[in-house]
Amino acid sequence: MGQIHTNLYKIVGWVNAGYTKAAAEELAKGQLAAIDKTSTLMQEMTNTKAIDQDSKGLYQLALMRLGEYRAAASQVTSKAVTDNPAATKSM
């Protein structure tokens, strides 16, 4: 997740530096896909019987927070290429 967050900043920086919109959008898609993959793995962990209830609760809480993070990341990535100052403020 740390690398994903770093790459969200990179997207904003790329747009500020004049990189192509396509390059920024491609990096953004990759970050959202990585968040979705992590979410899927965490969802699988909450559905397994191999973990105890306390661990399941922690995974469910983390999954909820990850959903919130994904929503914010999606806003930042979409704003980065259309409204870069707003994306910068969102970070």
PDB file of N, CA and C in Angstrom:
ATOM      1  N   MET A   1       0.823  -1.190   0.000  1.00  0.00           N
ATOM      2  CA  MET A   1       0.000   0.000   0.000  1.00  0.00           C
ATOM      3  C   MET A   1       0.866   1.253   0.000  1.00  0.00           C
ATOM      4  N   GLY A   2       2.016   1.162   0.613  1.00  0.00           N
ATOM      5  CA  GLY A   2       2.918   2.312   0.614  1.00  0.00           C
ATOM      6  C   GLY A   2       3.336   2.702  -0.791  1.00  0.00           C
ATOM      7  N   GLN A   3       3.622   1.698  -1.606  1.00  0.00           N
ATOM      8  CA  GLN A   3       4.027   1.973  -2.990  1.00  0.00           C
ATOM      9  C   GLN A   3       2.870   2.575  -3.780  1.00  0.00           C
ATOM     10  N   ILE A   4       1.675   2.105  -3.523  1.00  0.00           N
ATOM     11  CA  ILE A   4       0.502   2.662  -4.206  1.00  0.00           C
ATOM     12  C   ILE A   4       0.359   4.137  -3.852  1.00  0.00           C
ATOM     13  N   HIS A   5       0.489   4.454  -2.574  1.00  0.00           N
ATOM     14  CA  HIS A   5       0.351   5.851  -2.154  1.00  0.00           C
ATOM     15  C   HIS A   5       1.448   6.719  -2.779  1.00  0.00           C
ATOM     16  N   THR A   6       2.646   6.189  -2.806  1.00  0.00           N
ATOM     17  CA  THR A   6       3.746   6.905  -3.461  1.00  0.00           C
ATOM     18  C   THR A   6       3.417   7.167  -4.924  1.00  0.00           C
ATOM     19  N   ASN A   7       2.860   6.183  -5.586  1.00  0.00           N
ATOM     20  CA  ASN A   7       2.526   6.342  -6.998  1.00  0.00           C
ATOM     21  C   ASN A   7       1.382   7.324  -7.222  1.00  0.00           C
ATOM     22  N   LEU A   8       0.482   7.471  -6.249  1.00  0.00           N
ATOM     23  CA  LEU A   8      -0.557   8.497  -6.374  1.00  0.00           C
ATOM     24  C   LEU A   8       0.082   9.883  -6.392  1.00  0.00           C
ATOM     25  N   TYR A   9       1.063  10.087  -5.528  1.00  0.00           N
ATOM     26  CA  TYR A   9       1.809  11.354  -5.569  1.00  0.00           C
ATOM     27  C   TYR A   9       2.553  11.507  -6.893  1.00  0.00           C
ATOM     28  N   LYS A  10       3.071  10.399  -7.397  1.00  0.00           N
ATOM     29  CA  LYS A  10       3.806  10.435  -8.658  1.00  0.00           C
ATOM     30  C   LYS A  10       2.895  10.887  -9.803  1.00  0.00           C
ATOM     31  N   ILE A  11       1.654  10.422  -9.795  1.00  0.00           N
ATOM     32  CA  ILE A  11       0.701  10.820 -10.844  1.00  0.00           C
ATOM     33  C   ILE A  11       0.522  12.335 -10.834  1.00  0.00           C
ATOM     34  N   VAL A  12       0.299  12.894  -9.661  1.00  0.00           N
ATOM     35  CA  VAL A  12       0.130  14.348  -9.545  1.00  0.00           C
ATOM     36  C   VAL A  12       1.400  15.054 -10.025  1.00  0.00           C
ATOM     37  N   GLY A  13       2.543  14.542  -9.620  1.00  0.00           N
ATOM     38  CA  GLY A  13       3.816  15.127 -10.042  1.00  0.00           C
ATOM     39  C   GLY A  13       4.038  15.037 -11.540  1.00  0.00           C
ATOM     40  N   TRP A  14       3.674  13.898 -12.111  1.00  0.00           N
ATOM     41  CA  TRP A  14       3.835  13.739 -13.560  1.00  0.00           C
ATOM     42  C   TRP A  14       3.017  14.776 -14.318  1.00  0.00           C
ATOM     43  N   VAL A  15       1.781  14.979 -13.883  1.00  0.00           N
ATOM     44  CA  VAL A  15       0.944  15.963 -14.572  1.00  0.00           C
ATOM     45  C   VAL A  15       1.546  17.351 -14.422  1.00  0.00           C
ATOM     46  N   ASN A  16       2.033  17.676 -13.231  1.00  0.00           N
ATOM     47  CA  ASN A  16       2.686  18.977 -13.022  1.00  0.00           C
ATOM     48  C   ASN A  16       3.923  19.133 -13.892  1.00  0.00           C
ATOM     49  N   ALA A  17       4.618  18.031 -14.131  1.00  0.00           N
ATOM     50  CA  ALA A  17       5.855  18.069 -14.917  1.00  0.00           C
ATOM     51  C   ALA A  17       5.599  18.012 -16.417  1.00  0.00           C
ATOM     52  N   GLY A  18       4.356  17.855 -16.814  1.00  0.00           N
ATOM     53  CA  GLY A  18       4.037  17.866 -18.241  1.00  0.00           C
ATOM     54  C   GLY A  18       4.058  16.508 -18.915  1.00  0.00           C
ATOM     55  N   TYR A  19       4.062  15.424 -18.131  1.00  0.00           N
ATOM     56  CA  TYR A  19       3.968  14.095 -18.744  1.00  0.00           C
ATOM     57  C   TYR A  19       2.639  13.993 -19.481  1.00  0.00           C
ATOM     58  N   THR A  20       2.552  13.064 -20.385  1.00  0.00           N
ATOM     59  CA  THR A  20       1.318  12.926 -21.155  1.00  0.00           C
ATOM     60  C   THR A  20       0.178  12.450 -20.260  1.00  0.00           C
ATOM     61  N   LYS A  21      -1.011  12.840 -20.641  1.00  0.00           N
ATOM     62  CA  LYS A  21      -2.211  12.417 -19.929  1.00  0.00           C
ATOM     63  C   LYS A  21      -2.321  10.894 -19.943  1.00  0.00           C
ATOM     64  N   ALA A  22      -1.965  10.295 -21.076  1.00  0.00           N
ATOM     65  CA  ALA A  22      -2.052   8.836 -21.206  1.00  0.00           C
ATOM     66  C   ALA A  22      -1.130   8.122 -20.219  1.00  0.00           C
ATOM     67  N   ALA A  23       0.073   8.649 -20.010  1.00  0.00           N
ATOM     68  CA  ALA A  23       1.014   8.026 -19.076  1.00  0.00           C
ATOM     69  C   ALA A  23       0.475   8.104 -17.648  1.00  0.00           C
ATOM     70  N   ALA A  24      -0.068   9.259 -17.279  1.00  0.00           N
ATOM     71  CA  ALA A  24      -0.623   9.430 -15.933  1.00  0.00           C
ATOM     72  C   ALA A  24      -1.838   8.528 -15.739  1.00  0.00           C
ATOM     73  N   GLU A  25      -2.684   8.447 -16.744  1.00  0.00           N
ATOM     74  CA  GLU A  25      -3.874   7.597 -16.647  1.00  0.00           C
ATOM     75  C   GLU A  25      -3.498   6.120 -16.541  1.00  0.00           C
ATOM     76  N   GLU A  26      -2.480   5.719 -17.258  1.00  0.00           N
ATOM     77  CA  GLU A  26      -2.029   4.320 -17.202  1.00  0.00           C
ATOM     78  C   GLU A  26      -1.505   3.971 -15.808  1.00  0.00           C
ATOM     79  N   LEU A  27      -0.719   4.864 -15.234  1.00  0.00           N
ATOM     80  CA  LEU A  27      -0.228   4.630 -13.878  1.00  0.00           C
ATOM     81  C   LEU A  27      -1.391   4.609 -12.885  1.00  0.00           C
ATOM     82  N   ALA A  28      -2.351   5.495 -13.085  1.00  0.00           N
ATOM     83  CA  ALA A  28      -3.530   5.541 -12.206  1.00  0.00           C
ATOM     84  C   ALA A  28      -4.313   4.232 -12.266  1.00  0.00           C
ATOM     85  N   LYS A  29      -4.528   3.724 -13.460  1.00  0.00           N
ATOM     86  CA  LYS A  29      -5.251   2.448 -13.613  1.00  0.00           C
ATOM     87  C   LYS A  29      -4.542   1.333 -12.869  1.00  0.00           C
ATOM     88  N   GLY A  30      -3.236   1.308 -12.961  1.00  0.00           N
ATOM     89  CA  GLY A  30      -2.459   0.278 -12.291  1.00  0.00           C
ATOM     90  C   GLY A  30      -2.587   0.349 -10.779  1.00  0.00           C
ATOM     91  N   GLN A  31      -2.657   1.566 -10.244  1.00  0.00           N
ATOM     92  CA  GLN A  31      -2.764   1.715  -8.794  1.00  0.00           C
ATOM     93  C   GLN A  31      -4.140   1.288  -8.296  1.00  0.00           C
ATOM     94  N   LEU A  32      -5.169   1.657  -9.038  1.00  0.00           N
ATOM     95  CA  LEU A  32      -6.518   1.242  -8.647  1.00  0.00           C
ATOM     96  C   LEU A  32      -6.678  -0.270  -8.769  1.00  0.00           C
ATOM     97  N   ALA A  33      -6.053  -0.859  -9.781  1.00  0.00           N
ATOM     98  CA  ALA A  33      -6.093  -2.320  -9.931  1.00  0.00           C
ATOM     99  C   ALA A  33      -5.376  -3.006  -8.773  1.00  0.00           C
ATOM    100  N   ALA A  34      -4.272  -2.426  -8.326  1.00  0.00           N
ATOM    101  CA  ALA A  34      -3.537  -3.001  -7.197  1.00  0.00           C
ATOM    102  C   ALA A  34      -4.364  -2.924  -5.915  1.00  0.00           C
ATOM    103  N   ILE A  35      -5.078  -1.820  -5.725  1.00  0.00           N
ATOM    104  CA  ILE A  35      -5.958  -1.695  -4.560  1.00  0.00           C
ATOM    105  C   ILE A  35      -7.060  -2.749  -4.643  1.00  0.00           C
ATOM    106  N   ASP A  36      -7.632  -2.924  -5.836  1.00  0.00           N
ATOM    107  CA  ASP A  36      -8.696  -3.914  -6.013  1.00  0.00           C
ATOM    108  C   ASP A  36      -8.194  -5.335  -5.751  1.00  0.00           C
ATOM    109  N   LYS A  37      -6.986  -5.615  -6.179  1.00  0.00           N
ATOM    110  CA  LYS A  37      -6.410  -6.944  -5.937  1.00  0.00           C
ATOM    111  C   LYS A  37      -6.223  -7.177  -4.440  1.00  0.00           C
ATOM    112  N   THR A  38      -5.726  -6.166  -3.750  1.00  0.00           N
ATOM    113  CA  THR A  38      -5.548  -6.266  -2.303  1.00  0.00           C
ATOM    114  C   THR A  38      -6.893  -6.466  -1.617  1.00  0.00           C
ATOM    115  N   SER A  39      -7.888  -5.738  -2.079  1.00  0.00           N
ATOM    116  CA  SER A  39      -9.232  -5.872  -1.523  1.00  0.00           C
ATOM    117  C   SER A  39      -9.781  -7.279  -1.717  1.00  0.00           C
ATOM    118  N   THR A  40      -9.564  -7.842  -2.879  1.00  0.00           N
ATOM    119  CA  THR A  40     -10.023  -9.205  -3.158  1.00  0.00           C
ATOM    120  C   THR A  40      -9.342 -10.204  -2.228  1.00  0.00           C
ATOM    121  N   LEU A  41      -8.048 -10.060  -2.060  1.00  0.00           N
ATOM    122  CA  LEU A  41      -7.316 -10.957  -1.164  1.00  0.00           C
ATOM    123  C   LEU A  41      -7.803 -10.830   0.280  1.00  0.00           C
ATOM    124  N   MET A  42      -8.062  -9.611   0.709  1.00  0.00           N
ATOM    125  CA  MET A  42      -8.553  -9.408   2.064  1.00  0.00           C
ATOM    126  C   MET A  42      -9.962  -9.981   2.229  1.00  0.00           C
ATOM    127  N   GLN A  43     -10.777  -9.842   1.198  1.00  0.00           N
ATOM    128  CA  GLN A  43     -12.127 -10.405   1.246  1.00  0.00           C
ATOM    129  C   GLN A  43     -12.059 -11.923   1.356  1.00  0.00           C
ATOM    130  N   GLU A  44     -11.145 -12.524   0.629  1.00  0.00           N
ATOM    131  CA  GLU A  44     -10.962 -13.977   0.717  1.00  0.00           C
ATOM    132  C   GLU A  44     -10.554 -14.382   2.135  1.00  0.00           C
ATOM    133  N   MET A  45      -9.721 -13.566   2.770  1.00  0.00           N
ATOM    134  CA  MET A  45      -9.296 -13.873   4.140  1.00  0.00           C
ATOM    135  C   MET A  45     -10.469 -13.816   5.115  1.00  0.00           C
ATOM    136  N   THR A  46     -11.400 -12.891   4.889  1.00  0.00           N
ATOM    137  CA  THR A  46     -12.549 -12.806   5.796  1.00  0.00           C
ATOM    138  C   THR A  46     -13.497 -13.980   5.601  1.00  0.00           C
ATOM    139  N   ASN A  47     -13.426 -14.639   4.445  1.00  0.00           N
ATOM    140  CA  ASN A  47     -14.318 -15.755   4.155  1.00  0.00           C
ATOM    141  C   ASN A  47     -13.717 -17.119   4.491  1.00  0.00           C
ATOM    142  N   THR A  48     -12.473 -17.152   4.894  1.00  0.00           N
ATOM    143  CA  THR A  48     -11.837 -18.434   5.183  1.00  0.00           C
ATOM    144  C   THR A  48     -12.110 -18.857   6.629  1.00  0.00           C
ATOM    145  N   LYS A  49     -12.099 -20.145   6.835  1.00  0.00           N
ATOM    146  CA  LYS A  49     -12.282 -20.663   8.194  1.00  0.00           C
ATOM    147  C   LYS A  49     -10.945 -20.861   8.895  1.00  0.00           C
ATOM    148  N   ALA A  50      -9.867 -20.521   8.212  1.00  0.00           N
ATOM    149  CA  ALA A  50      -8.525 -20.728   8.754  1.00  0.00           C
ATOM    150  C   ALA A  50      -8.124 -19.658   9.770  1.00  0.00           C
ATOM    151  N   ILE A  51      -8.925 -18.596   9.912  1.00  0.00           N
ATOM    152  CA  ILE A  51      -8.582 -17.545  10.869  1.00  0.00           C
ATOM    153  C   ILE A  51      -9.649 -17.471  11.963  1.00  0.00           C
ATOM    154  N   ASP A  52      -9.248 -16.968  13.132  1.00  0.00           N
ATOM    155  CA  ASP A  52     -10.196 -16.861  14.241  1.00  0.00           C
ATOM    156  C   ASP A  52     -11.059 -15.604  14.084  1.00  0.00           C
ATOM    157  N   GLN A  53     -12.041 -15.468  14.935  1.00  0.00           N
ATOM    158  CA  GLN A  53     -12.991 -14.358  14.835  1.00  0.00           C
ATOM    159  C   GLN A  53     -12.322 -12.994  15.047  1.00  0.00           C
ATOM    160  N   ASP A  54     -11.351 -12.938  15.956  1.00  0.00           N
ATOM    161  CA  ASP A  54     -10.654 -11.665  16.181  1.00  0.00           C
ATOM    162  C   ASP A  54      -9.924 -11.215  14.911  1.00  0.00           C
ATOM    163  N   SER A  55      -9.238 -12.153  14.286  1.00  0.00           N
ATOM    164  CA  SER A  55      -8.522 -11.834  13.045  1.00  0.00           C
ATOM    165  C   SER A  55      -9.500 -11.470  11.942  1.00  0.00           C
ATOM    166  N   LYS A  56     -10.601 -12.186  11.882  1.00  0.00           N
ATOM    167  CA  LYS A  56     -11.620 -11.891  10.864  1.00  0.00           C
ATOM    168  C   LYS A  56     -12.140 -10.467  11.041  1.00  0.00           C
ATOM    169  N   GLY A  57     -12.352 -10.065  12.295  1.00  0.00           N
ATOM    170  CA  GLY A  57     -12.814  -8.709  12.559  1.00  0.00           C
ATOM    171  C   GLY A  57     -11.810  -7.660  12.118  1.00  0.00           C
ATOM    172  N   LEU A  58     -10.544  -7.945  12.338  1.00  0.00           N
ATOM    173  CA  LEU A  58      -9.499  -7.010  11.903  1.00  0.00           C
ATOM    174  C   LEU A  58      -9.447  -6.905  10.381  1.00  0.00           C
ATOM    175  N   TYR A  59      -9.580  -8.046   9.705  1.00  0.00           N
ATOM    176  CA  TYR A  59      -9.609  -8.014   8.242  1.00  0.00           C
ATOM    177  C   TYR A  59     -10.822  -7.234   7.733  1.00  0.00           C
ATOM    178  N   GLN A  60     -11.964  -7.414   8.373  1.00  0.00           N
ATOM    179  CA  GLN A  60     -13.158  -6.694   7.945  1.00  0.00           C
ATOM    180  C   GLN A  60     -13.003  -5.190   8.130  1.00  0.00           C
ATOM    181  N   LEU A  61     -12.413  -4.796   9.251  1.00  0.00           N
ATOM    182  CA  LEU A  61     -12.160  -3.371   9.483  1.00  0.00           C
ATOM    183  C   LEU A  61     -11.174  -2.818   8.456  1.00  0.00           C
ATOM    184  N   ALA A  62     -10.109  -3.551   8.218  1.00  0.00           N
ATOM    185  CA  ALA A  62      -9.114  -3.120   7.223  1.00  0.00           C
ATOM    186  C   ALA A  62      -9.737  -3.046   5.836  1.00  0.00           C
ATOM    187  N   LEU A  63     -10.606  -3.979   5.525  1.00  0.00           N
ATOM    188  CA  LEU A  63     -11.277  -3.989   4.224  1.00  0.00           C
ATOM    189  C   LEU A  63     -12.178  -2.768   4.064  1.00  0.00           C
ATOM    190  N   MET A  64     -12.865  -2.396   5.134  1.00  0.00           N
ATOM    191  CA  MET A  64     -13.707  -1.207   5.097  1.00  0.00           C
ATOM    192  C   MET A  64     -12.845   0.040   4.866  1.00  0.00           C
ATOM    193  N   ARG A  65     -11.740   0.134   5.593  1.00  0.00           N
ATOM    194  CA  ARG A  65     -10.834   1.281   5.438  1.00  0.00           C
ATOM    195  C   ARG A  65     -10.210   1.311   4.029  1.00  0.00           C
ATOM    196  N   LEU A  66      -9.917   0.136   3.509  1.00  0.00           N
ATOM    197  CA  LEU A  66      -9.364   0.062   2.158  1.00  0.00           C
ATOM    198  C   LEU A  66     -10.377   0.560   1.132  1.00  0.00           C
ATOM    199  N   GLY A  67     -11.644   0.273   1.355  1.00  0.00           N
ATOM    200  CA  GLY A  67     -12.693   0.792   0.465  1.00  0.00           C
ATOM    201  C   GLY A  67     -12.742   2.309   0.482  1.00  0.00           C
ATOM    202  N   GLU A  68     -12.591   2.883   1.674  1.00  0.00           N
ATOM    203  CA  GLU A  68     -12.556   4.341   1.801  1.00  0.00           C
ATOM    204  C   GLU A  68     -11.327   4.912   1.093  1.00  0.00           C
ATOM    205  N   TYR A  69     -10.198   4.235   1.262  1.00  0.00           N
ATOM    206  CA  TYR A  69      -8.958   4.673   0.623  1.00  0.00           C
ATOM    207  C   TYR A  69      -9.085   4.605  -0.892  1.00  0.00           C
ATOM    208  N   ARG A  70      -9.711   3.534  -1.395  1.00  0.00           N
ATOM    209  CA  ARG A  70      -9.865   3.383  -2.834  1.00  0.00           C
ATOM    210  C   ARG A  70     -10.719   4.517  -3.403  1.00  0.00           C
ATOM    211  N   ALA A  71     -11.781   4.883  -2.689  1.00  0.00           N
ATOM    212  CA  ALA A  71     -12.630   5.979  -3.150  1.00  0.00           C
ATOM    213  C   ALA A  71     -11.826   7.280  -3.242  1.00  0.00           C
ATOM    214  N   ALA A  72     -11.016   7.552  -2.222  1.00  0.00           N
ATOM    215  CA  ALA A  72     -10.183   8.758  -2.233  1.00  0.00           C
ATOM    216  C   ALA A  72      -9.139   8.687  -3.341  1.00  0.00           C
ATOM    217  N   ALA A  73      -8.527   7.520  -3.513  1.00  0.00           N
ATOM    218  CA  ALA A  73      -7.511   7.347  -4.563  1.00  0.00           C
ATOM    219  C   ALA A  73      -8.128   7.535  -5.943  1.00  0.00           C
ATOM    220  N   SER A  74      -9.331   7.056  -6.109  1.00  0.00           N
ATOM    221  CA  SER A  74     -10.016   7.210  -7.397  1.00  0.00           C
ATOM    222  C   SER A  74     -10.273   8.685  -7.698  1.00  0.00           C
ATOM    223  N   GLN A  75     -10.674   9.438  -6.678  1.00  0.00           N
ATOM    224  CA  GLN A  75     -10.885  10.872  -6.866  1.00  0.00           C
ATOM    225  C   GLN A  75      -9.590  11.574  -7.245  1.00  0.00           C
ATOM    226  N   VAL A  76      -8.527  11.236  -6.538  1.00  0.00           N
ATOM    227  CA  VAL A  76      -7.236  11.873  -6.815  1.00  0.00           C
ATOM    228  C   VAL A  76      -6.786  11.553  -8.235  1.00  0.00           C
ATOM    229  N   THR A  77      -6.886  10.291  -8.636  1.00  0.00           N
ATOM    230  CA  THR A  77      -6.403   9.923  -9.966  1.00  0.00           C
ATOM    231  C   THR A  77      -7.239  10.569 -11.063  1.00  0.00           C
ATOM    232  N   SER A  78      -8.545  10.685 -10.854  1.00  0.00           N
ATOM    233  CA  SER A  78      -9.359  11.313 -11.894  1.00  0.00           C
ATOM    234  C   SER A  78      -9.130  12.819 -11.944  1.00  0.00           C
ATOM    235  N   LYS A  79      -8.933  13.440 -10.782  1.00  0.00           N
ATOM    236  CA  LYS A  79      -8.687  14.881 -10.750  1.00  0.00           C
ATOM    237  C   LYS A  79      -7.286  15.240 -11.231  1.00  0.00           C
ATOM    238  N   ALA A  80      -6.352  14.351 -11.064  1.00  0.00           N
ATOM    239  CA  ALA A  80      -4.960  14.659 -11.402  1.00  0.00           C
ATOM    240  C   ALA A  80      -4.814  15.096 -12.852  1.00  0.00           C
ATOM    241  N   VAL A  81      -5.557  14.466 -13.735  1.00  0.00           N
ATOM    242  CA  VAL A  81      -5.413  14.798 -15.149  1.00  0.00           C
ATOM    243  C   VAL A  81      -6.375  15.894 -15.599  1.00  0.00           C
ATOM    244  N   THR A  82      -7.426  16.167 -14.798  1.00  0.00           N
ATOM    245  CA  THR A  82      -8.385  17.200 -15.204  1.00  0.00           C
ATOM    246  C   THR A  82      -8.292  18.457 -14.368  1.00  0.00           C
ATOM    247  N   ASP A  83      -7.991  18.311 -13.081  1.00  0.00           N
ATOM    248  CA  ASP A  83      -7.935  19.452 -12.160  1.00  0.00           C
ATOM    249  C   ASP A  83      -6.801  19.219 -11.166  1.00  0.00           C
ATOM    250  N   ASN A  84      -5.588  19.395 -11.645  1.00  0.00           N
ATOM    251  CA  ASN A  84      -4.414  19.051 -10.852  1.00  0.00           C
ATOM    252  C   ASN A  84      -4.337  19.772  -9.513  1.00  0.00           C
ATOM    253  N   PRO A  85      -4.665  21.068  -9.429  1.00  0.00           N
ATOM    254  CA  PRO A  85      -4.624  21.715  -8.099  1.00  0.00           C
ATOM    255  C   PRO A  85      -5.577  21.061  -7.095  1.00  0.00           C
ATOM    256  N   ALA A  86      -6.749  20.641  -7.539  1.00  0.00           N
ATOM    257  CA  ALA A  86      -7.694  19.967  -6.646  1.00  0.00           C
ATOM    258  C   ALA A  86      -7.144  18.609  -6.209  1.00  0.00           C
ATOM    259  N   ALA A  87      -6.496  17.911  -7.114  1.00  0.00           N
ATOM    260  CA  ALA A  87      -5.893  16.606  -6.768  1.00  0.00           C
ATOM    261  C   ALA A  87      -4.787  16.787  -5.749  1.00  0.00           C
ATOM    262  N   THR A  88      -4.016  17.838  -5.911  1.00  0.00           N
ATOM    263  CA  THR A  88      -2.927  18.111  -4.970  1.00  0.00           C
ATOM    264  C   THR A  88      -3.488  18.386  -3.585  1.00  0.00           C
ATOM    265  N   LYS A  89      -4.564  19.143  -3.511  1.00  0.00           N
ATOM    266  CA  LYS A  89      -5.202  19.424  -2.213  1.00  0.00           C
ATOM    267  C   LYS A  89      -5.775  18.154  -1.599  1.00  0.00           C
ATOM    268  N   SER A  90      -6.259  17.246  -2.423  1.00  0.00           N
ATOM    269  CA  SER A  90      -6.856  15.999  -1.937  1.00  0.00           C
ATOM    270  C   SER A  90      -5.836  15.080  -1.299  1.00  0.00           C
ATOM    271  N   MET A  91      -4.574  15.207  -1.708  1.00  0.00           N
ATOM    272  CA  MET A  91      -3.528  14.342  -1.174  1.00  0.00           C
ATOM    273  C   MET A  91      -3.239  14.751   0.239  1.00  0.00           C
TER     274      MET A  91
END
